[in-house]
Amino acid sequence: MNRFEYCFSTLGCSELSLHEVADLAERHGIEAVELRALSGTLDLPAALAAEFGEPSGLAAFLSRRKVRIAALNTSVRLFEGADLSAVEPFIDWAEAAGAGYLRIFDGGSRLNGADLVRAGDMLEAWQAVRRSRGLKVDLMIETHNALADFEQLVAFVEQVPAARILWDTHHTWARGAGIEALWRRIAGSVVHLHVKDSMTDSDGRRNYVLPGQGDFPMAGLMALLSSDERRVPISLEWERHWHPELPPLEDALTAARGWWRQGDF
């Protein structure tokens, strides 16, 4: 068994059905997938219903395959909504899939103390729902907007220590946060990671490139993770859905073999 659980987001192959995604994962020896889009749509509940009918159909399918569903990714934003009720259509599918998490975005930009308190209250209300319904799936918050900022992320984790974090390592790094310094502050809250690679062009803009062809400090990240006893999923987020000019996910997964397995020895 690998020391790390390698994963990929279906954002890189949004045209595929889950049957085809499972085939892709098995071809590349990937243990887990993170569902963001399927069959050409970001509406995961609709796509899963079209493919499997009911959540029980999804569970039956997964029982015959070797791939694990790490998470179902929603578009809900913690700092921009009145509550978290928009995750409801995803819950039964996540439970049937045995997924550990539903992804929600952070949202927001500049946070104040009231924002942190309100977010903490919303997450506490969610935990009450989990307990009352006996749910196994939990929420994880992606460092995409406000929480891509080092100081705001650290403040949030300190204010809401029970929050589960999806650390988009590239986003925080591109915003100037040192990988090692940030990991020391948030490691205990991180339950999932996004990784990707990029290069800066002559205009100072970052452009995604195949894993290993950019300057993201993957070796340093893997060295940090190697000291963690947990098998936190390391998920390649190949954003081809948003950047169709990128090569196919199959190419990115092939390139990632040496890149993200630098610490797997």
C-alpha atoms as a PDB file:
ATOM      1  CA  MET A   1       0.000   0.000   0.000  1.00  0.00           C
ATOM      2  CA  ASN A   2       1.278   3.495  -0.829  1.00  0.00           C
ATOM      3  CA  ARG A   3       2.192   5.755   2.070  1.00  0.00           C
ATOM      4  CA  PHE A   4      -0.103   8.386   0.568  1.00  0.00           C
ATOM      5  CA  GLU A   5      -3.575   8.159  -0.907  1.00  0.00           C
ATOM      6  CA  TYR A   6      -3.426   9.588  -4.414  1.00  0.00           C
ATOM      7  CA  CYS A   7      -6.590  11.061  -5.819  1.00  0.00           C
ATOM      8  CA  PHE A   8      -7.854  13.265  -8.632  1.00  0.00           C
ATOM      9  CA  SER A   9     -10.734  15.651  -9.127  1.00  0.00           C
ATOM     10  CA  THR A  10     -13.188  15.041 -11.946  1.00  0.00           C
ATOM     11  CA  LEU A  11     -12.853  18.735 -12.775  1.00  0.00           C
ATOM     12  CA  GLY A  12     -10.177  17.466 -15.139  1.00  0.00           C
ATOM     13  CA  CYS A  13     -12.479  15.031 -16.944  1.00  0.00           C
ATOM     14  CA  SER A  14     -15.909  16.589 -16.543  1.00  0.00           C
ATOM     15  CA  GLU A  15     -17.191  14.954 -19.741  1.00  0.00           C
ATOM     16  CA  LEU A  16     -16.877  11.429 -18.291  1.00  0.00           C
ATOM     17  CA  SER A  17     -19.499   9.365 -16.492  1.00  0.00           C
ATOM     18  CA  LEU A  18     -18.585   7.811 -13.155  1.00  0.00           C
ATOM     19  CA  HIS A  19     -18.194   4.444 -14.897  1.00  0.00           C
ATOM     20  CA  GLU A  20     -15.559   6.035 -17.122  1.00  0.00           C
ATOM     21  CA  VAL A  21     -13.955   7.880 -14.212  1.00  0.00           C
ATOM     22  CA  ALA A  22     -13.563   4.597 -12.336  1.00  0.00           C
ATOM     23  CA  ASP A  23     -11.934   3.044 -15.398  1.00  0.00           C
ATOM     24  CA  LEU A  24      -9.521   5.989 -15.621  1.00  0.00           C
ATOM     25  CA  ALA A  25      -8.600   5.728 -11.940  1.00  0.00           C
ATOM     26  CA  GLU A  26      -7.961   2.005 -12.182  1.00  0.00           C
ATOM     27  CA  ARG A  27      -5.772   2.420 -15.279  1.00  0.00           C
ATOM     28  CA  HIS A  28      -3.542   4.791 -13.321  1.00  0.00           C
ATOM     29  CA  GLY A  29      -3.583   2.922 -10.034  1.00  0.00           C
ATOM     30  CA  ILE A  30      -5.430   5.753  -8.276  1.00  0.00           C
ATOM     31  CA  GLU A  31      -7.299   4.740  -5.156  1.00  0.00           C
ATOM     32  CA  ALA A  32      -9.713   7.636  -4.776  1.00  0.00           C
ATOM     33  CA  VAL A  33     -11.563  10.238  -6.798  1.00  0.00           C
ATOM     34  CA  GLU A  34     -13.078  13.556  -5.827  1.00  0.00           C
ATOM     35  CA  LEU A  35     -16.332  14.288  -7.633  1.00  0.00           C
ATOM     36  CA  ARG A  36     -16.803  17.833  -8.914  1.00  0.00           C
ATOM     37  CA  ALA A  37     -18.404  17.245 -12.328  1.00  0.00           C
ATOM     38  CA  LEU A  38     -19.768  14.240 -14.205  1.00  0.00           C
ATOM     39  CA  SER A  39     -21.224  13.658 -17.658  1.00  0.00           C
ATOM     40  CA  GLY A  40     -20.719  17.287 -18.682  1.00  0.00           C
ATOM     41  CA  THR A  41     -22.395  18.966 -15.712  1.00  0.00           C
ATOM     42  CA  LEU A  42     -21.435  20.402 -12.332  1.00  0.00           C
ATOM     43  CA  ASP A  43     -24.844  19.328 -11.008  1.00  0.00           C
ATOM     44  CA  LEU A  44     -23.597  16.152  -9.341  1.00  0.00           C
ATOM     45  CA  PRO A  45     -26.928  15.022  -7.842  1.00  0.00           C
ATOM     46  CA  ALA A  46     -28.544  15.245 -11.293  1.00  0.00           C
ATOM     47  CA  ALA A  47     -25.666  13.461 -12.999  1.00  0.00           C
ATOM     48  CA  LEU A  48     -25.637  10.674 -10.422  1.00  0.00           C
ATOM     49  CA  ALA A  49     -29.411  10.271 -10.636  1.00  0.00           C
ATOM     50  CA  ALA A  50     -29.205   9.999 -14.425  1.00  0.00           C
ATOM     51  CA  GLU A  51     -26.477   7.367 -14.207  1.00  0.00           C
ATOM     52  CA  PHE A  52     -27.575   5.324 -11.186  1.00  0.00           C
ATOM     53  CA  GLY A  53     -31.228   6.189 -10.489  1.00  0.00           C
ATOM     54  CA  GLU A  54     -31.039   6.131  -6.704  1.00  0.00           C
ATOM     55  CA  PRO A  55     -28.226   6.383  -4.142  1.00  0.00           C
ATOM     56  CA  SER A  56     -28.514   2.624  -3.622  1.00  0.00           C
ATOM     57  CA  GLY A  57     -27.566   2.149  -7.268  1.00  0.00           C
ATOM     58  CA  LEU A  58     -24.405   4.175  -6.721  1.00  0.00           C
ATOM     59  CA  ALA A  59     -23.543   2.120  -3.644  1.00  0.00           C
ATOM     60  CA  ALA A  60     -24.000  -1.116  -5.587  1.00  0.00           C
ATOM     61  CA  PHE A  61     -21.750   0.144  -8.388  1.00  0.00           C
ATOM     62  CA  LEU A  62     -18.974   1.163  -6.013  1.00  0.00           C
ATOM     63  CA  SER A  63     -19.109  -2.188  -4.238  1.00  0.00           C
ATOM     64  CA  ARG A  64     -17.944  -3.758  -7.507  1.00  0.00           C
ATOM     65  CA  ARG A  65     -15.130  -1.297  -8.200  1.00  0.00           C
ATOM     66  CA  LYS A  66     -11.753  -0.634  -6.578  1.00  0.00           C
ATOM     67  CA  VAL A  67     -12.091   3.138  -6.428  1.00  0.00           C
ATOM     68  CA  ARG A  68     -13.136   5.140  -3.340  1.00  0.00           C
ATOM     69  CA  ILE A  69     -15.129   8.381  -3.472  1.00  0.00           C
ATOM     70  CA  ALA A  70     -13.170  10.764  -1.274  1.00  0.00           C
ATOM     71  CA  ALA A  71     -15.580  13.697  -1.537  1.00  0.00           C
ATOM     72  CA  LEU A  72     -18.478  15.268  -3.390  1.00  0.00           C
ATOM     73  CA  ASN A  73     -17.773  18.908  -4.176  1.00  0.00           C
ATOM     74  CA  THR A  74     -20.527  21.473  -3.850  1.00  0.00           C
ATOM     75  CA  SER A  75     -20.480  25.172  -4.780  1.00  0.00           C
ATOM     76  CA  VAL A  76     -21.750  26.321  -1.371  1.00  0.00           C
ATOM     77  CA  ARG A  77     -19.799  29.244   0.128  1.00  0.00           C
ATOM     78  CA  LEU A  78     -19.380  29.436   3.879  1.00  0.00           C
ATOM     79  CA  PHE A  79     -18.817  33.183   4.188  1.00  0.00           C
ATOM     80  CA  GLU A  80     -21.437  34.239   1.642  1.00  0.00           C
ATOM     81  CA  GLY A  81     -24.629  32.388   2.552  1.00  0.00           C
ATOM     82  CA  ALA A  82     -27.223  32.573   5.293  1.00  0.00           C
ATOM     83  CA  ASP A  83     -26.921  28.853   6.053  1.00  0.00           C
ATOM     84  CA  LEU A  84     -25.571  25.593   4.657  1.00  0.00           C
ATOM     85  CA  SER A  85     -28.877  24.095   3.521  1.00  0.00           C
ATOM     86  CA  ALA A  86     -27.729  23.972  -0.121  1.00  0.00           C
ATOM     87  CA  VAL A  87     -25.640  20.884   0.689  1.00  0.00           C
ATOM     88  CA  GLU A  88     -28.825  18.875   1.275  1.00  0.00           C
ATOM     89  CA  PRO A  89     -29.177  17.391  -2.280  1.00  0.00           C
ATOM     90  CA  PHE A  90     -25.660  15.947  -1.976  1.00  0.00           C
ATOM     91  CA  ILE A  91     -26.037  14.228   1.386  1.00  0.00           C
ATOM     92  CA  ASP A  92     -27.793  10.979   0.433  1.00  0.00           C
ATOM     93  CA  TRP A  93     -25.412  10.467  -2.497  1.00  0.00           C
ATOM     94  CA  ALA A  94     -22.383  11.088  -0.281  1.00  0.00           C
ATOM     95  CA  GLU A  95     -23.658   8.673   2.347  1.00  0.00           C
ATOM     96  CA  ALA A  96     -24.331   6.001  -0.260  1.00  0.00           C
ATOM     97  CA  ALA A  97     -20.846   6.499  -1.715  1.00  0.00           C
ATOM     98  CA  GLY A  98     -19.192   6.275   1.684  1.00  0.00           C
ATOM     99  CA  ALA A  99     -17.606   9.666   1.026  1.00  0.00           C
ATOM    100  CA  GLY A 100     -15.925  11.249   3.990  1.00  0.00           C
ATOM    101  CA  TYR A 101     -16.638  14.827   2.983  1.00  0.00           C
ATOM    102  CA  LEU A 102     -18.730  17.327   1.131  1.00  0.00           C
ATOM    103  CA  ARG A 103     -16.567  20.200  -0.084  1.00  0.00           C
ATOM    104  CA  ILE A 104     -17.781  23.729   0.452  1.00  0.00           C
ATOM    105  CA  PHE A 105     -15.903  26.858  -0.575  1.00  0.00           C
ATOM    106  CA  ASP A 106     -14.822  29.512   1.862  1.00  0.00           C
ATOM    107  CA  GLY A 107     -15.900  32.491  -0.278  1.00  0.00           C
ATOM    108  CA  GLY A 108     -15.477  36.026   0.997  1.00  0.00           C
ATOM    109  CA  SER A 109     -12.444  38.271   0.773  1.00  0.00           C
ATOM    110  CA  ARG A 110     -11.489  40.295   3.839  1.00  0.00           C
ATOM    111  CA  LEU A 111     -12.827  38.679   7.006  1.00  0.00           C
ATOM    112  CA  ASN A 112     -13.512  40.255  10.370  1.00  0.00           C
ATOM    113  CA  GLY A 113     -14.242  38.785  13.773  1.00  0.00           C
ATOM    114  CA  ALA A 114     -17.984  38.713  13.144  1.00  0.00           C
ATOM    115  CA  ASP A 115     -17.427  36.686   9.955  1.00  0.00           C
ATOM    116  CA  LEU A 116     -15.473  34.076  11.886  1.00  0.00           C
ATOM    117  CA  VAL A 117     -18.058  33.847  14.645  1.00  0.00           C
ATOM    118  CA  ARG A 118     -20.892  33.505  12.149  1.00  0.00           C
ATOM    119  CA  ALA A 119     -19.054  30.788  10.204  1.00  0.00           C
ATOM    120  CA  GLY A 120     -18.378  28.942  13.435  1.00  0.00           C
ATOM    121  CA  ASP A 121     -22.074  29.088  14.335  1.00  0.00           C
ATOM    122  CA  MET A 122     -23.067  27.731  10.910  1.00  0.00           C
ATOM    123  CA  LEU A 123     -20.634  24.838  11.210  1.00  0.00           C
ATOM    124  CA  GLU A 124     -21.856  24.107  14.723  1.00  0.00           C
ATOM    125  CA  ALA A 125     -25.434  23.985  13.408  1.00  0.00           C
ATOM    126  CA  TRP A 126     -24.274  21.565  10.711  1.00  0.00           C
ATOM    127  CA  GLN A 127     -22.725  19.294  13.350  1.00  0.00           C
ATOM    128  CA  ALA A 128     -26.039  19.261  15.200  1.00  0.00           C
ATOM    129  CA  VAL A 129     -27.722  18.110  11.983  1.00  0.00           C
ATOM    130  CA  ARG A 130     -25.088  15.392  11.529  1.00  0.00           C
ATOM    131  CA  ARG A 131     -25.665  14.085  15.020  1.00  0.00           C
ATOM    132  CA  SER A 132     -29.449  14.153  14.797  1.00  0.00           C
ATOM    133  CA  ARG A 133     -29.466  12.255  11.481  1.00  0.00           C
ATOM    134  CA  GLY A 134     -26.574   9.923  12.221  1.00  0.00           C
ATOM    135  CA  LEU A 135     -24.637  11.124   9.170  1.00  0.00           C
ATOM    136  CA  LYS A 136     -21.101   9.955   8.511  1.00  0.00           C
ATOM    137  CA  VAL A 137     -20.260  12.573   5.895  1.00  0.00           C
ATOM    138  CA  ASP A 138     -18.815  15.852   7.135  1.00  0.00           C
ATOM    139  CA  LEU A 139     -17.981  19.225   5.566  1.00  0.00           C
ATOM    140  CA  MET A 140     -14.537  20.415   4.540  1.00  0.00           C
ATOM    141  CA  ILE A 141     -13.805  24.014   3.600  1.00  0.00           C
ATOM    142  CA  GLU A 142     -11.536  24.718   0.640  1.00  0.00           C
ATOM    143  CA  THR A 143      -8.886  27.444   0.851  1.00  0.00           C
ATOM    144  CA  HIS A 144     -10.054  29.150  -2.329  1.00  0.00           C
ATOM    145  CA  ASN A 145     -10.920  32.783  -1.576  1.00  0.00           C
ATOM    146  CA  ALA A 146     -10.603  34.390   1.857  1.00  0.00           C
ATOM    147  CA  LEU A 147      -8.842  31.376   3.349  1.00  0.00           C
ATOM    148  CA  ALA A 148      -6.157  31.338   0.661  1.00  0.00           C
ATOM    149  CA  ASP A 149      -4.666  34.184   2.727  1.00  0.00           C
ATOM    150  CA  PHE A 150      -2.203  32.892   5.342  1.00  0.00           C
ATOM    151  CA  GLU A 151      -3.290  35.124   8.202  1.00  0.00           C
ATOM    152  CA  GLN A 152      -7.014  34.695   7.614  1.00  0.00           C
ATOM    153  CA  LEU A 153      -6.700  30.921   7.352  1.00  0.00           C
ATOM    154  CA  VAL A 154      -4.740  30.703  10.584  1.00  0.00           C
ATOM    155  CA  ALA A 155      -7.243  32.990  12.332  1.00  0.00           C
ATOM    156  CA  PHE A 156     -10.127  30.835  11.117  1.00  0.00           C
ATOM    157  CA  VAL A 157      -8.529  27.577  12.274  1.00  0.00           C
ATOM    158  CA  GLU A 158      -7.836  29.111  15.680  1.00  0.00           C
ATOM    159  CA  GLN A 159     -11.388  30.471  15.953  1.00  0.00           C
ATOM    160  CA  VAL A 160     -13.040  27.261  14.728  1.00  0.00           C
ATOM    161  CA  PRO A 161     -10.616  24.430  15.605  1.00  0.00           C
ATOM    162  CA  ALA A 162     -13.162  21.730  14.723  1.00  0.00           C
ATOM    163  CA  ALA A 163     -13.366  22.932  11.092  1.00  0.00           C
ATOM    164  CA  ARG A 164     -12.028  20.519   8.497  1.00  0.00           C
ATOM    165  CA  ILE A 165      -9.818  22.097   5.839  1.00  0.00           C
ATOM    166  CA  LEU A 166      -9.293  21.195   2.198  1.00  0.00           C
ATOM    167  CA  TRP A 167      -5.907  22.809   1.681  1.00  0.00           C
ATOM    168  CA  ASP A 168      -5.467  23.962  -1.897  1.00  0.00           C
ATOM    169  CA  THR A 169      -1.708  24.077  -1.598  1.00  0.00           C
ATOM    170  CA  HIS A 170      -1.208  25.892  -4.904  1.00  0.00           C
ATOM    171  CA  HIS A 171      -3.681  28.680  -4.066  1.00  0.00           C
ATOM    172  CA  THR A 172      -2.067  29.523  -0.733  1.00  0.00           C
ATOM    173  CA  TRP A 173       1.459  29.210  -2.173  1.00  0.00           C
ATOM    174  CA  ALA A 174       0.600  31.446  -5.138  1.00  0.00           C
ATOM    175  CA  ARG A 175      -0.710  34.020  -2.652  1.00  0.00           C
ATOM    176  CA  GLY A 176       2.700  34.076  -0.965  1.00  0.00           C
ATOM    177  CA  ALA A 177       2.271  31.623   1.916  1.00  0.00           C
ATOM    178  CA  GLY A 178       5.262  29.401   2.614  1.00  0.00           C
ATOM    179  CA  ILE A 179       4.286  25.724   2.455  1.00  0.00           C
ATOM    180  CA  GLU A 180       6.172  24.716   5.583  1.00  0.00           C
ATOM    181  CA  ALA A 181       5.165  27.727   7.675  1.00  0.00           C
ATOM    182  CA  LEU A 182       1.484  27.282   6.853  1.00  0.00           C
ATOM    183  CA  TRP A 183       1.529  23.511   7.400  1.00  0.00           C
ATOM    184  CA  ARG A 184       2.890  24.032  10.915  1.00  0.00           C
ATOM    185  CA  ARG A 185      -0.140  26.191  11.739  1.00  0.00           C
ATOM    186  CA  ILE A 186      -2.947  24.192  10.097  1.00  0.00           C
ATOM    187  CA  ALA A 187      -1.775  20.565   9.873  1.00  0.00           C
ATOM    188  CA  GLY A 188      -4.193  19.268  12.489  1.00  0.00           C
ATOM    189  CA  SER A 189      -7.184  20.686  10.589  1.00  0.00           C
ATOM    190  CA  VAL A 190      -6.244  19.483   7.080  1.00  0.00           C
ATOM    191  CA  VAL A 191      -8.184  16.446   5.832  1.00  0.00           C
ATOM    192  CA  HIS A 192      -7.640  16.726   2.046  1.00  0.00           C
ATOM    193  CA  LEU A 193      -5.174  18.459  -0.275  1.00  0.00           C
ATOM    194  CA  HIS A 194      -5.295  19.871  -3.792  1.00  0.00           C
ATOM    195  CA  VAL A 195      -2.086  19.964  -5.784  1.00  0.00           C
ATOM    196  CA  LYS A 196      -1.286  21.410  -9.215  1.00  0.00           C
ATOM    197  CA  ASP A 197       1.694  22.985 -10.950  1.00  0.00           C
ATOM    198  CA  SER A 198       2.221  26.303 -12.735  1.00  0.00           C
ATOM    199  CA  MET A 199       4.738  28.672 -14.272  1.00  0.00           C
ATOM    200  CA  THR A 200       4.841  32.467 -14.387  1.00  0.00           C
ATOM    201  CA  ASP A 201       4.732  33.993 -17.870  1.00  0.00           C
ATOM    202  CA  SER A 202       6.446  37.189 -19.061  1.00  0.00           C
ATOM    203  CA  ASP A 203       3.474  39.249 -17.836  1.00  0.00           C
ATOM    204  CA  GLY A 204       3.726  37.816 -14.330  1.00  0.00           C
ATOM    205  CA  ARG A 205       0.619  35.660 -14.670  1.00  0.00           C
ATOM    206  CA  ARG A 206       0.591  32.081 -13.498  1.00  0.00           C
ATOM    207  CA  ASN A 207      -0.428  29.429 -16.011  1.00  0.00           C
ATOM    208  CA  TYR A 208      -1.077  25.802 -15.227  1.00  0.00           C
ATOM    209  CA  VAL A 209       1.358  23.285 -16.674  1.00  0.00           C
ATOM    210  CA  LEU A 210       1.702  19.507 -16.538  1.00  0.00           C
ATOM    211  CA  PRO A 211       2.819  18.272 -13.111  1.00  0.00           C
ATOM    212  CA  GLY A 212       6.576  18.560 -12.766  1.00  0.00           C
ATOM    213  CA  GLN A 213       6.952  21.206 -15.471  1.00  0.00           C
ATOM    214  CA  GLY A 214       6.339  24.206 -13.204  1.00  0.00           C
ATOM    215  CA  ASP A 215       7.822  25.623 -10.032  1.00  0.00           C
ATOM    216  CA  PHE A 216       5.387  24.480  -7.364  1.00  0.00           C
ATOM    217  CA  PRO A 217       7.527  23.062  -4.487  1.00  0.00           C
ATOM    218  CA  MET A 218       6.128  19.531  -4.593  1.00  0.00           C
ATOM    219  CA  ALA A 219       9.214  17.885  -3.107  1.00  0.00           C
ATOM    220  CA  GLY A 220       8.996  20.182  -0.096  1.00  0.00           C
ATOM    221  CA  LEU A 221       5.301  19.447   0.356  1.00  0.00           C
ATOM    222  CA  MET A 222       5.817  15.697   0.190  1.00  0.00           C
ATOM    223  CA  ALA A 223       8.623  15.929   2.736  1.00  0.00           C
ATOM    224  CA  LEU A 224       6.227  17.655   5.132  1.00  0.00           C
ATOM    225  CA  LEU A 225       3.465  15.137   4.557  1.00  0.00           C
ATOM    226  CA  SER A 226       5.800  12.204   5.055  1.00  0.00           C
ATOM    227  CA  SER A 227       5.964  13.024   8.761  1.00  0.00           C
ATOM    228  CA  ASP A 228       2.163  12.849   9.126  1.00  0.00           C
ATOM    229  CA  GLU A 229       0.859   9.433  10.166  1.00  0.00           C
ATOM    230  CA  ARG A 230      -2.513   9.980   8.482  1.00  0.00           C
ATOM    231  CA  ARG A 231      -3.169   9.113   4.820  1.00  0.00           C
ATOM    232  CA  VAL A 232      -4.604  12.491   3.852  1.00  0.00           C
ATOM    233  CA  PRO A 233      -5.742  12.315   0.192  1.00  0.00           C
ATOM    234  CA  ILE A 234      -3.447  14.170  -2.208  1.00  0.00           C
ATOM    235  CA  SER A 235      -5.720  15.159  -5.064  1.00  0.00           C
ATOM    236  CA  LEU A 236      -4.585  16.404  -8.456  1.00  0.00           C
ATOM    237  CA  GLU A 237      -6.958  19.224  -9.347  1.00  0.00           C
ATOM    238  CA  TRP A 238      -6.436  19.483 -13.097  1.00  0.00           C
ATOM    239  CA  GLU A 239      -8.704  22.400 -13.986  1.00  0.00           C
ATOM    240  CA  ARG A 240      -9.450  21.416 -17.567  1.00  0.00           C
ATOM    241  CA  HIS A 241     -13.173  22.135 -17.104  1.00  0.00           C
ATOM    242  CA  TRP A 242     -12.290  25.826 -16.638  1.00  0.00           C
ATOM    243  CA  HIS A 243      -9.207  25.756 -18.886  1.00  0.00           C
ATOM    244  CA  PRO A 244     -10.081  23.551 -21.891  1.00  0.00           C
ATOM    245  CA  GLU A 245      -6.758  24.424 -23.522  1.00  0.00           C
ATOM    246  CA  LEU A 246      -5.008  22.155 -21.007  1.00  0.00           C
ATOM    247  CA  PRO A 247      -3.983  18.645 -22.068  1.00  0.00           C
ATOM    248  CA  PRO A 248      -6.301  15.766 -21.120  1.00  0.00           C
ATOM    249  CA  LEU A 249      -6.338  14.574 -17.526  1.00  0.00           C
ATOM    250  CA  GLU A 250      -4.866  11.263 -18.680  1.00  0.00           C
ATOM    251  CA  ASP A 251      -1.688  13.143 -19.655  1.00  0.00           C
ATOM    252  CA  ALA A 252      -1.612  14.988 -16.328  1.00  0.00           C
ATOM    253  CA  LEU A 253      -1.977  11.766 -14.349  1.00  0.00           C
ATOM    254  CA  THR A 254       0.863  10.201 -16.320  1.00  0.00           C
ATOM    255  CA  ALA A 255       3.057  13.245 -15.625  1.00  0.00           C
ATOM    256  CA  ALA A 256       2.074  13.204 -11.938  1.00  0.00           C
ATOM    257  CA  ARG A 257       3.429   9.716 -11.275  1.00  0.00           C
ATOM    258  CA  GLY A 258       6.957  10.870 -10.549  1.00  0.00           C
ATOM    259  CA  TRP A 259       5.996  14.356  -9.389  1.00  0.00           C
ATOM    260  CA  TRP A 260       3.675  13.552  -6.522  1.00  0.00           C
ATOM    261  CA  ARG A 261       5.326  10.288  -5.555  1.00  0.00           C
ATOM    262  CA  GLN A 262       8.617  11.900  -4.592  1.00  0.00           C
ATOM    263  CA  GLY A 263       7.948  11.046  -0.955  1.00  0.00           C
ATOM    264  CA  ASP A 264       6.627   7.519  -1.527  1.00  0.00           C
ATOM    265  CA  PHE A 265       9.584   5.320  -0.703  1.00  0.00           C
END
